[in-house]
Amino acid sequence: MATLYIEEYDNLPRDANGQILPIVSAPLKVQKVTISGTSAQSAAVKGSALFVRLISDTACQYEIASNPTAAATSMYLPANVPVDRQITGGQKIAVISQQ
């Protein structure tokens, strides 16, 4: 079963030049969303979350919004490649298998 893993963070560490460093702190929350041919939503992220790290074990497409629906035109997430995205607390992430 394909899965999207969502790690929520309230801050991303940066070096002296402002470049994002690898995340070393524990996430605020971790969610798992099953990926299929139908759009599926996560629960709302914590109110203090500013960033999410998305990792999927299969290629998929996703949307971030207050009530998102993922579709063939949504952002692409390759398999096994972590992607960090800015988010507003309370938003959700919808995911669908690669269309």
Protein backbone atom coordinates (compact mmCIF):
# COMPACT_ATOMS: atom_id res chain seq x y z
CA MET A 1 0.00 0.00 0.00
CA ALA A 2 1.49 3.35 -1.07
CA THR A 3 1.83 5.98 1.66
CA LEU A 4 2.52 9.71 1.95
CA TYR A 5 4.34 10.61 5.17
CA ILE A 6 3.83 14.15 6.45
CA GLU A 7 6.20 15.50 9.11
CA GLU A 8 5.17 18.83 10.65
CA TYR A 9 7.74 21.38 11.92
CA ASP A 10 7.48 24.79 13.52
CA ASN A 11 10.96 25.82 12.31
CA LEU A 12 13.68 24.71 9.91
CA PRO A 13 17.28 25.22 11.06
CA ARG A 14 19.39 27.58 8.92
CA ASP A 15 23.11 28.26 8.66
CA ALA A 16 24.75 31.71 8.96
CA ASN A 17 23.94 32.40 5.29
CA GLY A 18 20.26 31.55 5.70
CA GLN A 19 20.51 28.21 3.89
CA ILE A 20 18.21 25.49 5.21
CA LEU A 21 20.07 22.74 7.06
CA PRO A 22 18.95 19.13 7.28
CA ILE A 23 16.18 18.72 9.84
CA VAL A 24 17.54 17.22 13.03
CA SER A 25 14.77 17.99 15.51
CA ALA A 26 11.78 15.77 16.11
CA PRO A 27 8.66 16.75 14.17
CA LEU A 28 5.67 18.23 15.98
CA LYS A 29 3.47 15.53 14.46
CA VAL A 30 3.70 12.79 11.82
CA GLN A 31 0.80 11.77 9.62
CA LYS A 32 0.37 8.93 7.13
CA VAL A 33 -2.06 9.17 4.21
CA THR A 34 -2.80 6.18 1.98
CA ILE A 35 -2.26 6.94 -1.71
CA SER A 36 -4.70 5.62 -4.32
CA GLY A 37 -6.32 6.71 -7.56
CA THR A 38 -8.74 8.88 -5.58
CA SER A 39 -7.73 12.09 -3.79
CA ALA A 40 -7.27 11.57 -0.03
CA GLN A 41 -6.81 14.33 2.57
CA SER A 42 -4.65 14.46 5.66
CA ALA A 43 -5.90 15.80 8.96
CA ALA A 44 -5.28 19.51 9.50
CA VAL A 45 -1.69 20.30 10.48
CA LYS A 46 -1.02 21.71 13.93
CA GLY A 47 -1.66 25.42 14.34
CA SER A 48 2.02 26.06 15.13
CA ALA A 49 3.30 24.22 12.02
CA LEU A 50 5.17 26.40 9.53
CA PHE A 51 6.71 23.69 7.34
CA VAL A 52 5.99 20.13 6.33
CA ARG A 53 8.33 17.50 4.97
CA LEU A 54 6.58 15.25 2.47
CA ILE A 55 7.97 11.80 1.69
CA SER A 56 6.16 9.24 -0.43
CA ASP A 57 7.10 5.67 -1.23
CA THR A 58 5.60 6.09 -4.71
CA ALA A 59 5.34 8.90 -7.27
CA CYS A 60 2.24 10.98 -6.58
CA GLN A 61 0.66 14.40 -6.88
CA TYR A 62 -0.45 16.65 -4.04
CA GLU A 63 -2.20 19.89 -3.09
CA ILE A 64 -1.94 22.00 0.06
CA ALA A 65 -4.95 24.13 1.09
CA SER A 66 -7.71 24.39 3.67
CA ASN A 67 -9.82 21.82 1.77
CA PRO A 68 -7.60 20.47 -1.05
CA THR A 69 -8.31 17.93 -3.77
CA ALA A 70 -5.33 16.40 -5.56
CA ALA A 71 -5.63 15.85 -9.32
CA ALA A 72 -3.57 15.22 -12.46
CA THR A 73 -2.64 18.93 -12.54
CA SER A 74 -1.41 18.99 -8.92
CA MET A 75 2.24 19.31 -7.84
CA TYR A 76 4.36 16.24 -8.51
CA LEU A 77 6.20 14.40 -5.73
CA PRO A 78 8.70 11.74 -6.85
CA ALA A 79 9.07 8.54 -4.88
CA ASN A 80 11.51 8.54 -1.94
CA VAL A 81 12.54 12.21 -2.35
CA PRO A 82 11.83 14.38 0.72
CA VAL A 83 10.31 17.76 -0.14
CA ASP A 84 9.94 20.61 2.36
CA ARG A 85 7.01 23.01 1.89
CA GLN A 86 5.84 26.06 3.76
CA ILE A 87 2.36 25.66 5.23
CA THR A 88 -0.13 27.54 7.36
CA GLY A 89 -1.41 25.89 10.52
CA GLY A 90 -4.78 24.24 9.94
CA GLN A 91 -4.18 23.48 6.26
CA LYS A 92 -4.43 19.93 4.90
CA ILE A 93 -2.55 17.97 2.24
CA ALA A 94 -4.39 15.96 -0.39
CA VAL A 95 -2.62 13.24 -2.36
CA ILE A 96 -3.42 11.03 -5.35
CA SER A 97 -1.37 8.44 -7.24
CA GLN A 98 0.54 9.81 -10.21
CA GLN A 99 -1.96 10.60 -12.95
